């Protein structure tokens, strides 16, 4: 059984390569992306990814395709259970995110891709890489907002960035300065402002409400925390990360 499993793991990349080439030979990049979107809408990254990779072979500098590929690797990262596998998939997603930003300097989603990917990788990175990722996340989100100030995802990322950095105590911040060169400052007031902006721009996403509730919990405003987390928990799941976001919300409620 172990031999069979090793054989399957060894041939899987080859099968993917053959599939990408066979599919790409018969379709235009637009056709492949359209086919991939059907699977992506169902969060089916395993079926969407080969189609997007085939499209990439035809248009390797197309930032929209690179953004979609990065997203599929993040979906696979979310589904993975082992930390090493999450990091492996996350690093592939980050490579595509960086490529997307380089290929689309005036495209908001391309500029934002690195912030999204690094944000999802952050809990699994070693401390030194976490600190190095922090200014990259903000830079990516800021560039996206310069291109499109109405991008609610970018405001959400800035809100989370401020909340997380505001939670770093003086001792940890001093230690980070000695070992790794320091951390940017975060502000709960700015986190609240950013998340309210995200809600204003797109009130249909439950992650904004739950994250605002977590900000209020960190500020010690328990009533507001319960109000916004419960509002988010009552909303239906519509995005890949919604179940995990709800779990974080429940954990915050339990701690109040």
C-alpha atoms as a PDB file:
ATOM      1  CA  UNK A   1       0.000   0.000   0.000  1.00  0.00           C
ATOM      2  CA  UNK A   2       2.841   2.386   0.844  1.00  0.00           C
ATOM      3  CA  UNK A   3       4.489   1.639  -2.531  1.00  0.00           C
ATOM      4  CA  UNK A   4       1.244   2.406  -4.337  1.00  0.00           C
ATOM      5  CA  UNK A   5       0.873   5.680  -2.457  1.00  0.00           C
ATOM      6  CA  UNK A   6       4.436   6.741  -3.281  1.00  0.00           C
ATOM      7  CA  UNK A   7       3.875   5.838  -6.935  1.00  0.00           C
ATOM      8  CA  UNK A   8       0.686   7.933  -7.024  1.00  0.00           C
ATOM      9  CA  UNK A   9       2.487  10.914  -5.523  1.00  0.00           C
ATOM     10  CA  UNK A  10       5.325  10.532  -8.014  1.00  0.00           C
ATOM     11  CA  UNK A  11       3.152  10.404 -11.120  1.00  0.00           C
ATOM     12  CA  UNK A  12       0.631  13.060 -10.066  1.00  0.00           C
ATOM     13  CA  UNK A  13       2.779  16.033 -11.247  1.00  0.00           C
ATOM     14  CA  UNK A  14       3.383  14.260 -14.564  1.00  0.00           C
ATOM     15  CA  UNK A  15      -0.330  13.636 -15.052  1.00  0.00           C
ATOM     16  CA  UNK A  16      -1.063  17.269 -14.229  1.00  0.00           C
ATOM     17  CA  UNK A  17       1.565  18.401 -16.755  1.00  0.00           C
ATOM     18  CA  UNK A  18       0.078  16.179 -19.475  1.00  0.00           C
ATOM     19  CA  UNK A  19      -3.439  17.355 -18.656  1.00  0.00           C
ATOM     20  CA  UNK A  20      -2.436  21.020 -18.754  1.00  0.00           C
ATOM     21  CA  UNK A  21      -0.772  20.591 -22.140  1.00  0.00           C
ATOM     22  CA  UNK A  22      -3.613  18.532 -23.613  1.00  0.00           C
ATOM     23  CA  UNK A  23      -6.288  20.936 -22.417  1.00  0.00           C
ATOM     24  CA  UNK A  24      -4.332  24.029 -23.437  1.00  0.00           C
ATOM     25  CA  UNK A  25      -3.797  22.767 -26.969  1.00  0.00           C
ATOM     26  CA  UNK A  26      -7.530  22.647 -27.656  1.00  0.00           C
ATOM     27  CA  UNK A  27      -8.730  25.918 -26.102  1.00  0.00           C
ATOM     28  CA  UNK A  28      -7.977  29.610 -26.017  1.00  0.00           C
ATOM     29  CA  UNK A  29      -6.954  31.206 -22.717  1.00  0.00           C
ATOM     30  CA  UNK A  30     -10.370  32.854 -22.440  1.00  0.00           C
ATOM     31  CA  UNK A  31     -12.105  29.515 -22.976  1.00  0.00           C
ATOM     32  CA  UNK A  32      -9.970  27.853 -20.324  1.00  0.00           C
ATOM     33  CA  UNK A  33     -10.595  30.628 -17.800  1.00  0.00           C
ATOM     34  CA  UNK A  34     -14.343  30.432 -18.465  1.00  0.00           C
ATOM     35  CA  UNK A  35     -14.252  26.679 -17.836  1.00  0.00           C
ATOM     36  CA  UNK A  36     -12.174  27.170 -14.710  1.00  0.00           C
ATOM     37  CA  UNK A  37     -14.608  29.711 -13.300  1.00  0.00           C
ATOM     38  CA  UNK A  38     -17.345  27.078 -13.263  1.00  0.00           C
ATOM     39  CA  UNK A  39     -15.304  24.986 -10.831  1.00  0.00           C
ATOM     40  CA  UNK A  40     -13.978  27.984  -8.908  1.00  0.00           C
ATOM     41  CA  UNK A  41     -17.505  29.118  -8.117  1.00  0.00           C
ATOM     42  CA  UNK A  42     -17.917  25.802  -6.303  1.00  0.00           C
ATOM     43  CA  UNK A  43     -14.506  26.249  -4.585  1.00  0.00           C
ATOM     44  CA  UNK A  44     -13.322  23.202  -6.507  1.00  0.00           C
ATOM     45  CA  UNK A  45      -9.658  24.153  -6.809  1.00  0.00           C
ATOM     46  CA  UNK A  46      -8.484  20.724  -7.935  1.00  0.00           C
ATOM     47  CA  UNK A  47     -10.550  20.917 -11.109  1.00  0.00           C
ATOM     48  CA  UNK A  48     -10.168  24.666 -11.666  1.00  0.00           C
ATOM     49  CA  UNK A  49      -6.389  24.726 -11.270  1.00  0.00           C
ATOM     50  CA  UNK A  50      -5.400  22.603 -14.314  1.00  0.00           C
ATOM     51  CA  UNK A  51      -7.569  24.807 -16.530  1.00  0.00           C
ATOM     52  CA  UNK A  52      -5.990  27.995 -15.209  1.00  0.00           C
ATOM     53  CA  UNK A  53      -2.498  26.513 -15.496  1.00  0.00           C
ATOM     54  CA  UNK A  54      -3.239  25.638 -19.109  1.00  0.00           C
ATOM     55  CA  UNK A  55      -4.388  29.221 -19.681  1.00  0.00           C
ATOM     56  CA  UNK A  56      -1.149  30.445 -18.089  1.00  0.00           C
ATOM     57  CA  UNK A  57       0.876  28.497 -20.642  1.00  0.00           C
ATOM     58  CA  UNK A  58      -0.891  30.450 -23.384  1.00  0.00           C
ATOM     59  CA  UNK A  59      -0.699  33.837 -21.638  1.00  0.00           C
ATOM     60  CA  UNK A  60       2.019  33.675 -18.960  1.00  0.00           C
ATOM     61  CA  UNK A  61       1.962  37.429 -18.272  1.00  0.00           C
ATOM     62  CA  UNK A  62      -1.812  37.717 -17.889  1.00  0.00           C
ATOM     63  CA  UNK A  63      -2.209  39.096 -14.363  1.00  0.00           C
ATOM     64  CA  UNK A  64      -5.864  38.018 -14.126  1.00  0.00           C
ATOM     65  CA  UNK A  65      -4.938  34.389 -14.776  1.00  0.00           C
ATOM     66  CA  UNK A  66      -2.062  34.584 -12.281  1.00  0.00           C
ATOM     67  CA  UNK A  67      -4.417  35.979  -9.627  1.00  0.00           C
ATOM     68  CA  UNK A  68      -6.824  33.090 -10.199  1.00  0.00           C
ATOM     69  CA  UNK A  69      -4.034  30.520  -9.951  1.00  0.00           C
ATOM     70  CA  UNK A  70      -2.828  32.052  -6.682  1.00  0.00           C
ATOM     71  CA  UNK A  71      -6.378  31.831  -5.348  1.00  0.00           C
ATOM     72  CA  UNK A  72      -6.663  28.118  -6.191  1.00  0.00           C
ATOM     73  CA  UNK A  73      -3.443  27.382  -4.350  1.00  0.00           C
ATOM     74  CA  UNK A  74      -4.789  29.300  -1.345  1.00  0.00           C
ATOM     75  CA  UNK A  75      -7.945  27.170  -1.484  1.00  0.00           C
ATOM     76  CA  UNK A  76      -5.808  24.025  -1.533  1.00  0.00           C
ATOM     77  CA  UNK A  77      -3.774  25.457   1.327  1.00  0.00           C
ATOM     78  CA  UNK A  78      -6.958  25.966   3.330  1.00  0.00           C
ATOM     79  CA  UNK A  79      -8.001  22.355   2.731  1.00  0.00           C
ATOM     80  CA  UNK A  80      -4.602  20.902   3.666  1.00  0.00           C
ATOM     81  CA  UNK A  81      -4.248  19.574   7.198  1.00  0.00           C
ATOM     82  CA  UNK A  82      -0.473  19.384   7.681  1.00  0.00           C
ATOM     83  CA  UNK A  83       1.424  22.602   8.421  1.00  0.00           C
ATOM     84  CA  UNK A  84       4.242  21.746   6.017  1.00  0.00           C
ATOM     85  CA  UNK A  85       1.774  21.191   3.205  1.00  0.00           C
ATOM     86  CA  UNK A  86      -0.040  24.429   3.986  1.00  0.00           C
ATOM     87  CA  UNK A  87       3.257  26.303   3.775  1.00  0.00           C
ATOM     88  CA  UNK A  88       4.271  24.561   0.555  1.00  0.00           C
ATOM     89  CA  UNK A  89       1.000  25.502  -1.138  1.00  0.00           C
ATOM     90  CA  UNK A  90       1.128  28.979   0.375  1.00  0.00           C
ATOM     91  CA  UNK A  91       4.580  29.623  -1.054  1.00  0.00           C
ATOM     92  CA  UNK A  92       3.390  28.591  -4.510  1.00  0.00           C
ATOM     93  CA  UNK A  93       0.407  30.919  -4.120  1.00  0.00           C
ATOM     94  CA  UNK A  94       2.749  33.714  -3.045  1.00  0.00           C
ATOM     95  CA  UNK A  95       4.968  33.189  -6.085  1.00  0.00           C
ATOM     96  CA  UNK A  96       1.951  33.571  -8.364  1.00  0.00           C
ATOM     97  CA  UNK A  97       0.760  36.579  -6.345  1.00  0.00           C
ATOM     98  CA  UNK A  98       4.111  38.337  -6.776  1.00  0.00           C
ATOM     99  CA  UNK A  99       4.097  37.518 -10.483  1.00  0.00           C
ATOM    100  CA  UNK A 100       0.565  38.897 -10.795  1.00  0.00           C
ATOM    101  CA  UNK A 101       1.614  42.171  -9.160  1.00  0.00           C
ATOM    102  CA  UNK A 102       4.559  42.497 -11.527  1.00  0.00           C
ATOM    103  CA  UNK A 103       2.384  41.719 -14.562  1.00  0.00           C
ATOM    104  CA  UNK A 104      -0.437  44.053 -13.516  1.00  0.00           C
ATOM    105  CA  UNK A 105       0.986  47.205 -11.920  1.00  0.00           C
ATOM    106  CA  UNK A 106      -2.311  49.048 -12.513  1.00  0.00           C
ATOM    107  CA  UNK A 107      -4.605  46.165 -11.556  1.00  0.00           C
ATOM    108  CA  UNK A 108      -6.086  46.316  -8.055  1.00  0.00           C
ATOM    109  CA  UNK A 109      -6.620  42.564  -7.623  1.00  0.00           C
ATOM    110  CA  UNK A 110      -3.093  41.816  -8.817  1.00  0.00           C
ATOM    111  CA  UNK A 111      -1.609  44.251  -6.307  1.00  0.00           C
ATOM    112  CA  UNK A 112      -3.758  42.868  -3.495  1.00  0.00           C
ATOM    113  CA  UNK A 113      -2.980  39.190  -4.117  1.00  0.00           C
ATOM    114  CA  UNK A 114       0.234  39.194  -2.085  1.00  0.00           C
ATOM    115  CA  UNK A 115      -1.495  40.701   0.950  1.00  0.00           C
ATOM    116  CA  UNK A 116      -4.217  38.056   0.845  1.00  0.00           C
ATOM    117  CA  UNK A 117      -1.745  35.208   0.451  1.00  0.00           C
ATOM    118  CA  UNK A 118       0.665  36.419   3.141  1.00  0.00           C
ATOM    119  CA  UNK A 119      -2.256  36.996   5.501  1.00  0.00           C
ATOM    120  CA  UNK A 120      -3.339  33.381   5.127  1.00  0.00           C
ATOM    121  CA  UNK A 121       0.227  32.123   5.474  1.00  0.00           C
ATOM    122  CA  UNK A 122       1.012  34.236   8.544  1.00  0.00           C
ATOM    123  CA  UNK A 123      -0.094  31.777  11.288  1.00  0.00           C
ATOM    124  CA  UNK A 124       2.155  29.060   9.840  1.00  0.00           C
ATOM    125  CA  UNK A 125       5.303  31.114   9.190  1.00  0.00           C
ATOM    126  CA  UNK A 126       8.274  31.151  11.593  1.00  0.00           C
ATOM    127  CA  UNK A 127       8.596  34.381  13.649  1.00  0.00           C
ATOM    128  CA  UNK A 128      11.243  35.994  11.456  1.00  0.00           C
ATOM    129  CA  UNK A 129       9.149  35.489   8.313  1.00  0.00           C
ATOM    130  CA  UNK A 130       6.024  36.741  10.103  1.00  0.00           C
ATOM    131  CA  UNK A 131       7.799  39.995  10.903  1.00  0.00           C
ATOM    132  CA  UNK A 132       9.130  40.312   7.359  1.00  0.00           C
ATOM    133  CA  UNK A 133       5.633  39.688   5.979  1.00  0.00           C
ATOM    134  CA  UNK A 134       3.988  42.444   8.006  1.00  0.00           C
ATOM    135  CA  UNK A 135       5.158  45.494   5.985  1.00  0.00           C
ATOM    136  CA  UNK A 136       4.618  43.547   2.745  1.00  0.00           C
ATOM    137  CA  UNK A 137       0.964  42.986   3.634  1.00  0.00           C
ATOM    138  CA  UNK A 138       0.370  46.673   4.285  1.00  0.00           C
ATOM    139  CA  UNK A 139       2.273  47.743   1.174  1.00  0.00           C
ATOM    140  CA  UNK A 140       0.208  45.386  -0.968  1.00  0.00           C
ATOM    141  CA  UNK A 141      -3.099  46.573   0.505  1.00  0.00           C
ATOM    142  CA  UNK A 142      -2.097  50.238   0.216  1.00  0.00           C
ATOM    143  CA  UNK A 143      -1.196  49.817  -3.466  1.00  0.00           C
ATOM    144  CA  UNK A 144      -4.543  48.138  -4.115  1.00  0.00           C
ATOM    145  CA  UNK A 145      -6.441  50.987  -2.444  1.00  0.00           C
ATOM    146  CA  UNK A 146      -4.540  53.572  -4.445  1.00  0.00           C
ATOM    147  CA  UNK A 147      -5.901  51.874  -7.557  1.00  0.00           C
ATOM    148  CA  UNK A 148      -9.390  51.255  -6.180  1.00  0.00           C
ATOM    149  CA  UNK A 149     -10.365  52.946  -2.895  1.00  0.00           C
ATOM    150  CA  UNK A 150     -13.659  51.022  -2.956  1.00  0.00           C
ATOM    151  CA  UNK A 151     -12.084  47.576  -2.645  1.00  0.00           C
ATOM    152  CA  UNK A 152     -13.632  46.213   0.551  1.00  0.00           C
ATOM    153  CA  UNK A 153     -11.197  43.282   0.751  1.00  0.00           C
ATOM    154  CA  UNK A 154      -8.249  45.676   0.948  1.00  0.00           C
ATOM    155  CA  UNK A 155      -9.908  47.636   3.753  1.00  0.00           C
ATOM    156  CA  UNK A 156     -10.625  44.355   5.563  1.00  0.00           C
ATOM    157  CA  UNK A 157      -6.967  43.320   5.291  1.00  0.00           C
ATOM    158  CA  UNK A 158      -5.825  46.693   6.650  1.00  0.00           C
ATOM    159  CA  UNK A 159      -8.258  46.314   9.552  1.00  0.00           C
ATOM    160  CA  UNK A 160      -6.909  42.890  10.439  1.00  0.00           C
ATOM    161  CA  UNK A 161      -3.340  44.148  10.012  1.00  0.00           C
ATOM    162  CA  UNK A 162      -3.963  46.958  12.492  1.00  0.00           C
ATOM    163  CA  UNK A 163      -5.740  44.658  14.952  1.00  0.00           C
ATOM    164  CA  UNK A 164      -2.971  42.055  14.975  1.00  0.00           C
ATOM    165  CA  UNK A 165      -0.148  44.579  15.347  1.00  0.00           C
ATOM    166  CA  UNK A 166      -1.993  46.501  18.050  1.00  0.00           C
ATOM    167  CA  UNK A 167      -2.023  43.260  20.074  1.00  0.00           C
ATOM    168  CA  UNK A 168       1.782  42.958  20.165  1.00  0.00           C
ATOM    169  CA  UNK A 169       2.891  43.901  23.666  1.00  0.00           C
ATOM    170  CA  UNK A 170       5.912  46.033  24.517  1.00  0.00           C
ATOM    171  CA  UNK A 171       8.116  43.082  25.454  1.00  0.00           C
ATOM    172  CA  UNK A 172       7.426  41.164  22.235  1.00  0.00           C
ATOM    173  CA  UNK A 173       7.858  44.306  20.176  1.00  0.00           C
ATOM    174  CA  UNK A 174      11.209  45.056  21.809  1.00  0.00           C
ATOM    175  CA  UNK A 175      12.353  41.472  21.296  1.00  0.00           C
ATOM    176  CA  UNK A 176      11.319  41.613  17.640  1.00  0.00           C
ATOM    177  CA  UNK A 177      13.329  44.816  17.288  1.00  0.00           C
ATOM    178  CA  UNK A 178      16.438  43.215  18.713  1.00  0.00           C
ATOM    179  CA  UNK A 179      16.184  39.954  16.780  1.00  0.00           C
ATOM    180  CA  UNK A 180      14.565  40.897  13.493  1.00  0.00           C
ATOM    181  CA  UNK A 181      14.648  44.658  13.046  1.00  0.00           C
ATOM    182  CA  UNK A 182      11.313  45.726  14.476  1.00  0.00           C
ATOM    183  CA  UNK A 183       7.581  45.671  13.782  1.00  0.00           C
ATOM    184  CA  UNK A 184       5.283  48.356  12.358  1.00  0.00           C
ATOM    185  CA  UNK A 185       2.799  49.962  14.722  1.00  0.00           C
ATOM    186  CA  UNK A 186      -0.874  49.038  14.647  1.00  0.00           C
ATOM    187  CA  UNK A 187      -3.925  50.816  16.049  1.00  0.00           C
ATOM    188  CA  UNK A 188      -7.263  49.402  17.202  1.00  0.00           C
ATOM    189  CA  UNK A 189      -8.929  52.705  16.350  1.00  0.00           C
ATOM    190  CA  UNK A 190      -7.627  52.449  12.796  1.00  0.00           C
ATOM    191  CA  UNK A 191      -8.627  48.783  12.691  1.00  0.00           C
ATOM    192  CA  UNK A 192     -12.187  49.789  13.649  1.00  0.00           C
ATOM    193  CA  UNK A 193     -12.236  52.505  10.999  1.00  0.00           C
ATOM    194  CA  UNK A 194     -10.911  50.186   8.308  1.00  0.00           C
ATOM    195  CA  UNK A 195     -13.434  47.444   9.059  1.00  0.00           C
ATOM    196  CA  UNK A 196     -16.344  49.864   9.169  1.00  0.00           C
ATOM    197  CA  UNK A 197     -15.240  51.087   5.753  1.00  0.00           C
ATOM    198  CA  UNK A 198     -15.243  47.496   4.479  1.00  0.00           C
ATOM    199  CA  UNK A 199     -18.794  47.007   5.768  1.00  0.00           C
ATOM    200  CA  UNK A 200     -19.926  50.271   4.211  1.00  0.00           C
ATOM    201  CA  UNK A 201     -18.534  49.214   0.837  1.00  0.00           C
ATOM    202  CA  UNK A 202     -19.828  45.645   0.955  1.00  0.00           C
ATOM    203  CA  UNK A 203     -22.358  44.878   3.702  1.00  0.00           C
ATOM    204  CA  UNK A 204     -23.066  41.369   2.384  1.00  0.00           C
ATOM    205  CA  UNK A 205     -19.812  39.730   3.569  1.00  0.00           C
ATOM    206  CA  UNK A 206     -19.969  38.095   6.971  1.00  0.00           C
ATOM    207  CA  UNK A 207     -16.194  38.247   7.477  1.00  0.00           C
ATOM    208  CA  UNK A 208     -16.358  42.040   7.878  1.00  0.00           C
ATOM    209  CA  UNK A 209     -18.856  41.848  10.746  1.00  0.00           C
ATOM    210  CA  UNK A 210     -17.081  39.048  12.592  1.00  0.00           C
ATOM    211  CA  UNK A 211     -13.715  40.756  12.279  1.00  0.00           C
ATOM    212  CA  UNK A 212     -15.159  44.053  13.520  1.00  0.00           C
ATOM    213  CA  UNK A 213     -16.557  42.128  16.477  1.00  0.00           C
ATOM    214  CA  UNK A 214     -13.117  40.708  17.189  1.00  0.00           C
ATOM    215  CA  UNK A 215     -11.689  44.228  17.075  1.00  0.00           C
ATOM    216  CA  UNK A 216     -14.267  45.361  19.625  1.00  0.00           C
ATOM    217  CA  UNK A 217     -13.428  42.353  21.800  1.00  0.00           C
ATOM    218  CA  UNK A 218      -9.784  43.416  21.764  1.00  0.00           C
ATOM    219  CA  UNK A 219     -10.852  46.949  22.692  1.00  0.00           C
ATOM    220  CA  UNK A 220     -12.806  45.577  25.664  1.00  0.00           C
ATOM    221  CA  UNK A 221     -16.177  46.573  24.156  1.00  0.00           C
ATOM    222  CA  UNK A 222     -17.962  43.298  24.841  1.00  0.00           C
ATOM    223  CA  UNK A 223     -21.502  44.342  23.895  1.00  0.00           C
ATOM    224  CA  UNK A 224     -20.392  45.637  20.502  1.00  0.00           C
ATOM    225  CA  UNK A 225     -18.258  42.527  20.016  1.00  0.00           C
ATOM    226  CA  UNK A 226     -21.231  40.229  20.596  1.00  0.00           C
ATOM    227  CA  UNK A 227     -23.481  42.324  18.365  1.00  0.00           C
ATOM    228  CA  UNK A 228     -21.243  42.211  15.311  1.00  0.00           C
ATOM    229  CA  UNK A 229     -19.998  38.643  15.725  1.00  0.00           C
ATOM    230  CA  UNK A 230     -23.541  37.337  16.128  1.00  0.00           C
ATOM    231  CA  UNK A 231     -24.618  39.292  13.057  1.00  0.00           C
ATOM    232  CA  UNK A 232     -21.877  37.630  11.034  1.00  0.00           C
ATOM    233  CA  UNK A 233     -22.662  34.188  12.438  1.00  0.00           C
ATOM    234  CA  UNK A 234     -26.303  34.577  11.372  1.00  0.00           C
ATOM    235  CA  UNK A 235     -25.354  35.208   7.738  1.00  0.00           C
ATOM    236  CA  UNK A 236     -25.132  32.325   5.226  1.00  0.00           C
ATOM    237  CA  UNK A 237     -21.767  31.005   4.056  1.00  0.00           C
ATOM    238  CA  UNK A 238     -20.965  32.292   0.574  1.00  0.00           C
ATOM    239  CA  UNK A 239     -17.152  32.255   0.459  1.00  0.00           C
ATOM    240  CA  UNK A 240     -14.470  29.611   0.860  1.00  0.00           C
ATOM    241  CA  UNK A 241     -13.206  30.984   4.171  1.00  0.00           C
ATOM    242  CA  UNK A 242     -16.587  31.644   5.805  1.00  0.00           C
ATOM    243  CA  UNK A 243     -16.733  28.472   7.968  1.00  0.00           C
ATOM    244  CA  UNK A 244     -13.266  29.181   9.363  1.00  0.00           C
ATOM    245  CA  UNK A 245     -14.168  32.831   9.946  1.00  0.00           C
ATOM    246  CA  UNK A 246     -17.271  31.776  11.860  1.00  0.00           C
ATOM    247  CA  UNK A 247     -15.197  29.429  13.998  1.00  0.00           C
ATOM    248  CA  UNK A 248     -12.891  32.305  14.948  1.00  0.00           C
ATOM    249  CA  UNK A 249     -15.968  34.338  15.814  1.00  0.00           C
ATOM    250  CA  UNK A 250     -17.331  31.597  18.069  1.00  0.00           C
ATOM    251  CA  UNK A 251     -13.970  31.308  19.822  1.00  0.00           C
ATOM    252  CA  UNK A 252     -13.947  35.055  20.450  1.00  0.00           C
ATOM    253  CA  UNK A 253     -17.502  34.941  21.838  1.00  0.00           C
ATOM    254  CA  UNK A 254     -16.531  32.122  24.163  1.00  0.00           C
ATOM    255  CA  UNK A 255     -13.659  34.211  25.525  1.00  0.00           C
ATOM    256  CA  UNK A 256     -15.808  37.252  26.379  1.00  0.00           C
END
